[in-house]
Amino acid sequence: MAAARARGPAKDKATGEAKSSAPRRAKRAPRTVAAAGTKAPTTSAREEALSPREARRQLRIDMGREQILDTAEQLFGERGYHETGLKEVAEQCEFSVGSLYSFFEGKDALYQEVLRRRSIGYWEEMERLAADPAPADERLVAMARLQVEYFRKYPSWGRLTTRVLTPGAPVMGEVQQGFRESYRKAIDLEAGMIAAGQREGVLRSGDPHALARMFSSLVTAFHLMDPAVSDDPAELDVEDFLTFIAQTFAARPS
């Protein structure tokens, strides 16, 4: 009988590297959660604490995760949630479907992370603009411009987000809850700008939260028509839209 072939070392499913045959190390202590208002360690800070081999492995994992998110964002944006499967995402990334589960628990978790990832930078830009010392009427128009340009910068994410924001659109519970909370935060932020503009005498009178909801609805309506983002586009120049925003919310002569 022919001798059995020697098997090569097993490979790590997430990175493709050969697993070490050395005895496993003792489990690390659980990670502590950063206190509110503090930042978690950056990737570079984590890498400094790793051995060169561990740092290479972590880099591969991070790159693989970003590749999956980029691909999923594009496919979800083009086809929608229900028409996109993990198989299609895996094929375009040149991963196995099983490898995707090394990064995400399933399709729902992947979809939620696709939406969340761009939302972080979006919210940071909104907060930065809200804190700017410029007059409130200028900041309100700049806020509308920021939102339009951010959606255009990430059109697949913008398309997904616009679908979620469309009244009556079917949305899974976790995503709906997350967007509801983000919407309330955005309205509070914009209402604060409008209230400041009313005190300055440059923005129209009225309940700031009601006006903020009107402002948000107008920007969403533009997204729904914007050819760069919308599934059902219509022609409306962005500068014309911003002029409309400025005129709609400007203080009226007494």
C-alpha atoms as a PDB file:
ATOM      1  CA  MET A   1       0.000   0.000   0.000  1.00  0.00           C
ATOM      2  CA  ALA A   2       1.329   3.450  -0.957  1.00  0.00           C
ATOM      3  CA  ALA A   3       2.364   5.665   1.906  1.00  0.00           C
ATOM      4  CA  ALA A   4      -0.137   8.361   2.796  1.00  0.00           C
ATOM      5  CA  ARG A   5       0.824  11.869   1.676  1.00  0.00           C
ATOM      6  CA  ALA A   6       1.875  14.217   4.436  1.00  0.00           C
ATOM      7  CA  ARG A   7      -0.574  17.024   4.877  1.00  0.00           C
ATOM      8  CA  GLY A   8       0.650  20.613   4.823  1.00  0.00           C
ATOM      9  CA  PRO A   9       0.004  22.916   7.743  1.00  0.00           C
ATOM     10  CA  ALA A  10      -3.557  24.126   8.183  1.00  0.00           C
ATOM     11  CA  LYS A  11      -4.196  27.686   6.997  1.00  0.00           C
ATOM     12  CA  ASP A  12      -5.966  30.505   8.767  1.00  0.00           C
ATOM     13  CA  LYS A  13      -9.331  31.002   7.071  1.00  0.00           C
ATOM     14  CA  ALA A  14      -9.311  34.810   7.368  1.00  0.00           C
ATOM     15  CA  THR A  15      -5.728  35.525   6.246  1.00  0.00           C
ATOM     16  CA  GLY A  16      -4.518  32.486   4.303  1.00  0.00           C
ATOM     17  CA  GLU A  17      -1.378  32.200   6.484  1.00  0.00           C
ATOM     18  CA  ALA A  18      -0.238  28.844   7.796  1.00  0.00           C
ATOM     19  CA  LYS A  19      -1.276  28.275  11.379  1.00  0.00           C
ATOM     20  CA  SER A  20       1.530  27.800  13.849  1.00  0.00           C
ATOM     21  CA  SER A  21       1.989  24.314  15.280  1.00  0.00           C
ATOM     22  CA  ALA A  22       3.279  25.774  18.556  1.00  0.00           C
ATOM     23  CA  PRO A  23       1.125  25.302  21.626  1.00  0.00           C
ATOM     24  CA  ARG A  24      -1.642  27.817  21.975  1.00  0.00           C
ATOM     25  CA  ARG A  25      -0.996  30.781  24.179  1.00  0.00           C
ATOM     26  CA  ALA A  26      -3.073  31.439  27.220  1.00  0.00           C
ATOM     27  CA  LYS A  27      -6.193  33.458  26.530  1.00  0.00           C
ATOM     28  CA  ARG A  28      -5.811  37.193  26.788  1.00  0.00           C
ATOM     29  CA  ALA A  29      -7.677  39.112  29.424  1.00  0.00           C
ATOM     30  CA  PRO A  30     -11.003  40.522  28.209  1.00  0.00           C
ATOM     31  CA  ARG A  31     -10.807  43.920  26.564  1.00  0.00           C
ATOM     32  CA  THR A  32     -11.991  46.822  28.633  1.00  0.00           C
ATOM     33  CA  VAL A  33     -14.556  49.173  27.165  1.00  0.00           C
ATOM     34  CA  ALA A  34     -13.367  52.770  26.768  1.00  0.00           C
ATOM     35  CA  ALA A  35     -15.119  55.223  29.024  1.00  0.00           C
ATOM     36  CA  ALA A  36     -17.559  57.664  27.467  1.00  0.00           C
ATOM     37  CA  GLY A  37     -15.771  60.595  25.871  1.00  0.00           C
ATOM     38  CA  THR A  38     -12.500  58.699  25.371  1.00  0.00           C
ATOM     39  CA  LYS A  39     -11.225  57.232  22.134  1.00  0.00           C
ATOM     40  CA  ALA A  40     -10.414  53.560  21.641  1.00  0.00           C
ATOM     41  CA  PRO A  41      -6.767  52.770  20.740  1.00  0.00           C
ATOM     42  CA  THR A  42      -5.978  53.457  17.099  1.00  0.00           C
ATOM     43  CA  THR A  43      -4.921  50.726  14.675  1.00  0.00           C
ATOM     44  CA  SER A  44      -1.305  51.932  14.773  1.00  0.00           C
ATOM     45  CA  ALA A  45      -1.337  51.868  18.585  1.00  0.00           C
ATOM     46  CA  ARG A  46      -2.626  48.303  18.543  1.00  0.00           C
ATOM     47  CA  GLU A  47      -0.021  47.280  15.974  1.00  0.00           C
ATOM     48  CA  GLU A  48       2.805  48.637  18.162  1.00  0.00           C
ATOM     49  CA  ALA A  49       1.771  46.172  20.876  1.00  0.00           C
ATOM     50  CA  LEU A  50       1.814  43.229  18.424  1.00  0.00           C
ATOM     51  CA  SER A  51       4.708  41.142  17.213  1.00  0.00           C
ATOM     52  CA  PRO A  52       5.653  41.664  13.520  1.00  0.00           C
ATOM     53  CA  ARG A  53       3.857  38.443  12.586  1.00  0.00           C
ATOM     54  CA  GLU A  54       0.731  39.403  14.520  1.00  0.00           C
ATOM     55  CA  ALA A  55       0.829  42.916  13.026  1.00  0.00           C
ATOM     56  CA  ARG A  56       0.951  41.459   9.482  1.00  0.00           C
ATOM     57  CA  ARG A  57      -1.956  39.193  10.292  1.00  0.00           C
ATOM     58  CA  GLN A  58      -3.998  42.071  11.736  1.00  0.00           C
ATOM     59  CA  LEU A  59      -3.243  44.188   8.668  1.00  0.00           C
ATOM     60  CA  ARG A  60      -4.478  41.401   6.390  1.00  0.00           C
ATOM     61  CA  ILE A  61      -7.653  41.070   8.449  1.00  0.00           C
ATOM     62  CA  ASP A  62      -8.298  44.831   8.332  1.00  0.00           C
ATOM     63  CA  MET A  63      -7.677  44.965   4.580  1.00  0.00           C
ATOM     64  CA  GLY A  64      -9.918  41.965   3.989  1.00  0.00           C
ATOM     65  CA  ARG A  65     -12.694  43.503   6.045  1.00  0.00           C
ATOM     66  CA  GLU A  66     -12.517  46.794   4.143  1.00  0.00           C
ATOM     67  CA  GLN A  67     -12.523  44.942   0.822  1.00  0.00           C
ATOM     68  CA  ILE A  68     -15.668  43.069   1.825  1.00  0.00           C
ATOM     69  CA  LEU A  69     -17.383  46.286   2.968  1.00  0.00           C
ATOM     70  CA  ASP A  70     -16.446  48.149  -0.242  1.00  0.00           C
ATOM     71  CA  THR A  71     -17.789  45.316  -2.395  1.00  0.00           C
ATOM     72  CA  ALA A  72     -20.955  44.864  -0.353  1.00  0.00           C
ATOM     73  CA  GLU A  73     -21.632  48.616  -0.422  1.00  0.00           C
ATOM     74  CA  GLN A  74     -21.428  48.626  -4.206  1.00  0.00           C
ATOM     75  CA  LEU A  75     -23.611  45.533  -4.664  1.00  0.00           C
ATOM     76  CA  PHE A  76     -26.234  46.552  -2.099  1.00  0.00           C
ATOM     77  CA  GLY A  77     -26.351  49.981  -3.736  1.00  0.00           C
ATOM     78  CA  GLU A  78     -26.735  48.576  -7.259  1.00  0.00           C
ATOM     79  CA  ARG A  79     -29.073  45.646  -6.565  1.00  0.00           C
ATOM     80  CA  GLY A  80     -30.656  46.317  -3.196  1.00  0.00           C
ATOM     81  CA  TYR A  81     -30.581  44.227  -0.039  1.00  0.00           C
ATOM     82  CA  HIS A  82     -32.821  41.358  -1.141  1.00  0.00           C
ATOM     83  CA  GLU A  83     -31.182  40.900  -4.548  1.00  0.00           C
ATOM     84  CA  THR A  84     -27.660  40.691  -3.135  1.00  0.00           C
ATOM     85  CA  GLY A  85     -26.361  37.482  -1.594  1.00  0.00           C
ATOM     86  CA  LEU A  86     -23.227  36.668   0.345  1.00  0.00           C
ATOM     87  CA  LYS A  87     -22.166  34.419  -2.527  1.00  0.00           C
ATOM     88  CA  GLU A  88     -21.959  37.398  -4.916  1.00  0.00           C
ATOM     89  CA  VAL A  89     -20.037  39.447  -2.364  1.00  0.00           C
ATOM     90  CA  ALA A  90     -17.602  36.587  -1.730  1.00  0.00           C
ATOM     91  CA  GLU A  91     -17.029  35.930  -5.445  1.00  0.00           C
ATOM     92  CA  GLN A  92     -16.143  39.546  -6.201  1.00  0.00           C
ATOM     93  CA  CYS A  93     -13.785  39.643  -3.210  1.00  0.00           C
ATOM     94  CA  GLU A  94     -12.283  36.258  -4.190  1.00  0.00           C
ATOM     95  CA  PHE A  95     -13.164  34.877  -0.750  1.00  0.00           C
ATOM     96  CA  SER A  96     -15.118  31.792   0.117  1.00  0.00           C
ATOM     97  CA  VAL A  97     -18.556  32.347   1.616  1.00  0.00           C
ATOM     98  CA  GLY A  98     -17.270  30.689   4.782  1.00  0.00           C
ATOM     99  CA  SER A  99     -14.487  33.277   5.021  1.00  0.00           C
ATOM    100  CA  LEU A 100     -17.051  36.069   5.151  1.00  0.00           C
ATOM    101  CA  TYR A 101     -18.375  34.600   8.387  1.00  0.00           C
ATOM    102  CA  SER A 102     -14.929  35.176   9.888  1.00  0.00           C
ATOM    103  CA  PHE A 103     -15.687  38.899   9.613  1.00  0.00           C
ATOM    104  CA  PHE A 104     -19.482  39.193   9.900  1.00  0.00           C
ATOM    105  CA  GLU A 105     -22.166  37.044  11.491  1.00  0.00           C
ATOM    106  CA  GLY A 106     -24.288  37.096   8.371  1.00  0.00           C
ATOM    107  CA  LYS A 107     -25.890  39.210   5.658  1.00  0.00           C
ATOM    108  CA  ASP A 108     -27.859  41.402   8.086  1.00  0.00           C
ATOM    109  CA  ALA A 109     -24.734  42.226  10.092  1.00  0.00           C
ATOM    110  CA  LEU A 110     -22.813  43.023   6.891  1.00  0.00           C
ATOM    111  CA  TYR A 111     -25.598  45.315   5.651  1.00  0.00           C
ATOM    112  CA  GLN A 112     -25.773  47.177   8.951  1.00  0.00           C
ATOM    113  CA  GLU A 113     -21.996  47.700   8.997  1.00  0.00           C
ATOM    114  CA  VAL A 114     -22.054  48.990   5.395  1.00  0.00           C
ATOM    115  CA  LEU A 115     -24.544  51.655   6.467  1.00  0.00           C
ATOM    116  CA  ARG A 116     -22.777  52.440   9.755  1.00  0.00           C
ATOM    117  CA  ARG A 117     -19.269  52.815   8.329  1.00  0.00           C
ATOM    118  CA  ARG A 118     -19.925  55.924   6.201  1.00  0.00           C
ATOM    119  CA  SER A 119     -22.357  57.343   8.756  1.00  0.00           C
ATOM    120  CA  ILE A 120     -19.514  57.911  11.223  1.00  0.00           C
ATOM    121  CA  GLY A 121     -17.664  60.366   8.981  1.00  0.00           C
ATOM    122  CA  TYR A 122     -20.948  61.943   7.892  1.00  0.00           C
ATOM    123  CA  TRP A 123     -21.911  62.723  11.483  1.00  0.00           C
ATOM    124  CA  GLU A 124     -18.445  64.063  12.329  1.00  0.00           C
ATOM    125  CA  GLU A 125     -18.631  66.500   9.399  1.00  0.00           C
ATOM    126  CA  MET A 126     -22.074  67.679  10.497  1.00  0.00           C
ATOM    127  CA  GLU A 127     -20.868  68.296  14.057  1.00  0.00           C
ATOM    128  CA  ARG A 128     -17.824  70.197  12.805  1.00  0.00           C
ATOM    129  CA  LEU A 129     -19.982  72.448  10.660  1.00  0.00           C
ATOM    130  CA  ALA A 130     -22.547  73.051  13.417  1.00  0.00           C
ATOM    131  CA  ALA A 131     -19.740  74.302  15.690  1.00  0.00           C
ATOM    132  CA  ASP A 132     -18.355  76.711  13.076  1.00  0.00           C
ATOM    133  CA  PRO A 133     -18.508  80.387  14.141  1.00  0.00           C
ATOM    134  CA  ALA A 134     -19.982  81.522  10.798  1.00  0.00           C
ATOM    135  CA  PRO A 135     -23.471  83.124  10.771  1.00  0.00           C
ATOM    136  CA  ALA A 136     -26.238  80.539  11.223  1.00  0.00           C
ATOM    137  CA  ASP A 137     -27.908  81.197   7.863  1.00  0.00           C
ATOM    138  CA  GLU A 138     -24.613  80.497   6.085  1.00  0.00           C
ATOM    139  CA  ARG A 139     -24.078  77.354   8.162  1.00  0.00           C
ATOM    140  CA  LEU A 140     -27.559  76.058   7.320  1.00  0.00           C
ATOM    141  CA  VAL A 141     -26.917  76.351   3.577  1.00  0.00           C
ATOM    142  CA  ALA A 142     -23.446  74.833   4.083  1.00  0.00           C
ATOM    143  CA  MET A 143     -25.100  71.931   5.963  1.00  0.00           C
ATOM    144  CA  ALA A 144     -27.336  71.220   2.981  1.00  0.00           C
ATOM    145  CA  ARG A 145     -24.315  71.366   0.649  1.00  0.00           C
ATOM    146  CA  LEU A 146     -22.315  69.041   2.912  1.00  0.00           C
ATOM    147  CA  GLN A 147     -25.086  66.439   2.900  1.00  0.00           C
ATOM    148  CA  VAL A 148     -25.507  66.570  -0.878  1.00  0.00           C
ATOM    149  CA  GLU A 149     -21.758  66.306  -1.499  1.00  0.00           C
ATOM    150  CA  TYR A 150     -21.242  63.478   1.012  1.00  0.00           C
ATOM    151  CA  PHE A 151     -23.950  61.394  -0.653  1.00  0.00           C
ATOM    152  CA  ARG A 152     -22.330  62.064  -4.016  1.00  0.00           C
ATOM    153  CA  LYS A 153     -18.894  61.135  -2.677  1.00  0.00           C
ATOM    154  CA  TYR A 154     -20.215  57.706  -1.660  1.00  0.00           C
ATOM    155  CA  PRO A 155     -23.056  57.169  -4.167  1.00  0.00           C
ATOM    156  CA  SER A 156     -23.708  53.506  -3.347  1.00  0.00           C
ATOM    157  CA  TRP A 157     -23.978  54.324   0.361  1.00  0.00           C
ATOM    158  CA  GLY A 158     -26.049  57.385  -0.512  1.00  0.00           C
ATOM    159  CA  ARG A 159     -28.425  55.243  -2.583  1.00  0.00           C
ATOM    160  CA  LEU A 160     -28.812  52.773   0.281  1.00  0.00           C
ATOM    161  CA  THR A 161     -29.398  55.532   2.813  1.00  0.00           C
ATOM    162  CA  THR A 162     -31.937  57.263   0.572  1.00  0.00           C
ATOM    163  CA  ARG A 163     -33.890  54.022   0.285  1.00  0.00           C
ATOM    164  CA  VAL A 164     -33.929  53.639   4.051  1.00  0.00           C
ATOM    165  CA  LEU A 165     -35.129  57.236   4.458  1.00  0.00           C
ATOM    166  CA  THR A 166     -37.897  56.868   1.864  1.00  0.00           C
ATOM    167  CA  PRO A 167     -41.326  56.694   3.597  1.00  0.00           C
ATOM    168  CA  GLY A 168     -42.859  53.229   3.386  1.00  0.00           C
ATOM    169  CA  ALA A 169     -39.629  51.517   2.377  1.00  0.00           C
ATOM    170  CA  PRO A 170     -39.242  48.008   3.910  1.00  0.00           C
ATOM    171  CA  VAL A 171     -36.372  48.173   6.405  1.00  0.00           C
ATOM    172  CA  MET A 172     -35.204  45.608   8.949  1.00  0.00           C
ATOM    173  CA  GLY A 173     -35.846  46.526  12.578  1.00  0.00           C
ATOM    174  CA  GLU A 174     -32.222  47.032  13.670  1.00  0.00           C
ATOM    175  CA  VAL A 175     -31.457  49.350  10.751  1.00  0.00           C
ATOM    176  CA  GLN A 176     -34.689  51.277  11.257  1.00  0.00           C
ATOM    177  CA  GLN A 177     -33.915  51.801  14.946  1.00  0.00           C
ATOM    178  CA  GLY A 178     -30.379  52.970  14.208  1.00  0.00           C
ATOM    179  CA  PHE A 179     -31.542  55.456  11.596  1.00  0.00           C
ATOM    180  CA  ARG A 180     -34.308  56.714  13.859  1.00  0.00           C
ATOM    181  CA  GLU A 181     -31.735  57.549  16.533  1.00  0.00           C
ATOM    182  CA  SER A 182     -29.394  59.190  14.000  1.00  0.00           C
ATOM    183  CA  TYR A 183     -32.302  61.188  12.596  1.00  0.00           C
ATOM    184  CA  ARG A 184     -33.200  62.541  16.050  1.00  0.00           C
ATOM    185  CA  LYS A 185     -29.582  63.571  16.644  1.00  0.00           C
ATOM    186  CA  ALA A 186     -29.405  65.319  13.274  1.00  0.00           C
ATOM    187  CA  ILE A 187     -32.680  67.166  13.922  1.00  0.00           C
ATOM    188  CA  ASP A 188     -31.431  68.325  17.323  1.00  0.00           C
ATOM    189  CA  LEU A 189     -28.197  69.556  15.728  1.00  0.00           C
ATOM    190  CA  GLU A 190     -29.991  71.422  12.942  1.00  0.00           C
ATOM    191  CA  ALA A 191     -32.600  72.816  15.353  1.00  0.00           C
ATOM    192  CA  GLY A 192     -29.770  74.290  17.421  1.00  0.00           C
ATOM    193  CA  MET A 193     -28.406  76.043  14.321  1.00  0.00           C
ATOM    194  CA  ILE A 194     -31.850  77.379  13.433  1.00  0.00           C
ATOM    195  CA  ALA A 195     -32.433  78.635  16.992  1.00  0.00           C
ATOM    196  CA  ALA A 196     -29.070  80.434  16.838  1.00  0.00           C
ATOM    197  CA  GLY A 197     -30.070  81.984  13.516  1.00  0.00           C
ATOM    198  CA  GLN A 198     -33.341  83.195  14.997  1.00  0.00           C
ATOM    199  CA  ARG A 199     -31.440  84.887  17.821  1.00  0.00           C
ATOM    200  CA  GLU A 200     -29.145  86.475  15.242  1.00  0.00           C
ATOM    201  CA  GLY A 201     -32.179  87.658  13.281  1.00  0.00           C
ATOM    202  CA  VAL A 202     -31.092  85.904  10.065  1.00  0.00           C
ATOM    203  CA  LEU A 203     -33.428  82.854  10.050  1.00  0.00           C
ATOM    204  CA  ARG A 204     -37.204  82.786  10.009  1.00  0.00           C
ATOM    205  CA  SER A 205     -39.276  82.468  13.158  1.00  0.00           C
ATOM    206  CA  GLY A 206     -41.021  79.262  14.156  1.00  0.00           C
ATOM    207  CA  ASP A 207     -40.418  76.158  16.208  1.00  0.00           C
ATOM    208  CA  PRO A 208     -36.746  75.235  15.564  1.00  0.00           C
ATOM    209  CA  HIS A 209     -37.415  71.489  15.642  1.00  0.00           C
ATOM    210  CA  ALA A 210     -40.307  71.768  13.187  1.00  0.00           C
ATOM    211  CA  LEU A 211     -38.154  73.869  10.850  1.00  0.00           C
ATOM    212  CA  ALA A 212     -35.275  71.388  11.217  1.00  0.00           C
ATOM    213  CA  ARG A 213     -37.580  68.549  10.176  1.00  0.00           C
ATOM    214  CA  MET A 214     -38.674  70.594   7.167  1.00  0.00           C
ATOM    215  CA  PHE A 215     -35.018  71.266   6.284  1.00  0.00           C
ATOM    216  CA  SER A 216     -34.181  67.554   6.574  1.00  0.00           C
ATOM    217  CA  SER A 217     -37.156  66.591   4.394  1.00  0.00           C
ATOM    218  CA  LEU A 218     -36.095  69.026   1.676  1.00  0.00           C
ATOM    219  CA  VAL A 219     -32.542  67.639   1.607  1.00  0.00           C
ATOM    220  CA  THR A 220     -33.881  64.065   1.456  1.00  0.00           C
ATOM    221  CA  ALA A 221     -36.178  65.096  -1.402  1.00  0.00           C
ATOM    222  CA  PHE A 222     -33.134  66.390  -3.290  1.00  0.00           C
ATOM    223  CA  HIS A 223     -31.306  63.069  -2.717  1.00  0.00           C
ATOM    224  CA  LEU A 224     -34.326  61.273  -4.190  1.00  0.00           C
ATOM    225  CA  MET A 225     -33.941  63.342  -7.386  1.00  0.00           C
ATOM    226  CA  ASP A 226     -30.154  63.612  -7.550  1.00  0.00           C
ATOM    227  CA  PRO A 227     -28.921  61.670 -10.637  1.00  0.00           C
ATOM    228  CA  ALA A 228     -25.718  60.788  -8.766  1.00  0.00           C
ATOM    229  CA  VAL A 229     -27.664  58.923  -6.074  1.00  0.00           C
ATOM    230  CA  SER A 230     -31.311  58.383  -6.967  1.00  0.00           C
ATOM    231  CA  ASP A 231     -33.004  55.338  -8.513  1.00  0.00           C
ATOM    232  CA  ASP A 232     -35.537  57.772 -10.043  1.00  0.00           C
ATOM    233  CA  PRO A 233     -33.579  60.933 -10.947  1.00  0.00           C
ATOM    234  CA  ALA A 234     -34.828  64.334 -12.028  1.00  0.00           C
ATOM    235  CA  GLU A 235     -32.843  67.359 -13.141  1.00  0.00           C
ATOM    236  CA  LEU A 236     -32.383  70.030 -10.460  1.00  0.00           C
ATOM    237  CA  ASP A 237     -29.160  72.017 -10.234  1.00  0.00           C
ATOM    238  CA  VAL A 238     -27.598  71.844  -6.780  1.00  0.00           C
ATOM    239  CA  GLU A 239     -26.925  75.589  -6.697  1.00  0.00           C
ATOM    240  CA  ASP A 240     -30.593  76.262  -7.474  1.00  0.00           C
ATOM    241  CA  PHE A 241     -31.533  73.923  -4.643  1.00  0.00           C
ATOM    242  CA  LEU A 242     -29.212  75.687  -2.191  1.00  0.00           C
ATOM    243  CA  THR A 243     -30.648  79.048  -3.201  1.00  0.00           C
ATOM    244  CA  PHE A 244     -34.102  77.623  -2.513  1.00  0.00           C
ATOM    245  CA  ILE A 245     -32.940  76.538   0.963  1.00  0.00           C
ATOM    246  CA  ALA A 246     -31.511  79.975   1.706  1.00  0.00           C
ATOM    247  CA  GLN A 247     -34.682  81.753   0.594  1.00  0.00           C
ATOM    248  CA  THR A 248     -37.023  79.347   2.383  1.00  0.00           C
ATOM    249  CA  PHE A 249     -35.372  79.721   5.792  1.00  0.00           C
ATOM    250  CA  ALA A 250     -34.314  83.384   5.609  1.00  0.00           C
ATOM    251  CA  ALA A 251     -35.839  85.805   8.115  1.00  0.00           C
ATOM    252  CA  ARG A 252     -38.897  87.611   6.772  1.00  0.00           C
ATOM    253  CA  PRO A 253     -39.090  91.425   6.921  1.00  0.00           C
ATOM    254  CA  SER A 254     -41.296  92.556   9.782  1.00  0.00           C
END
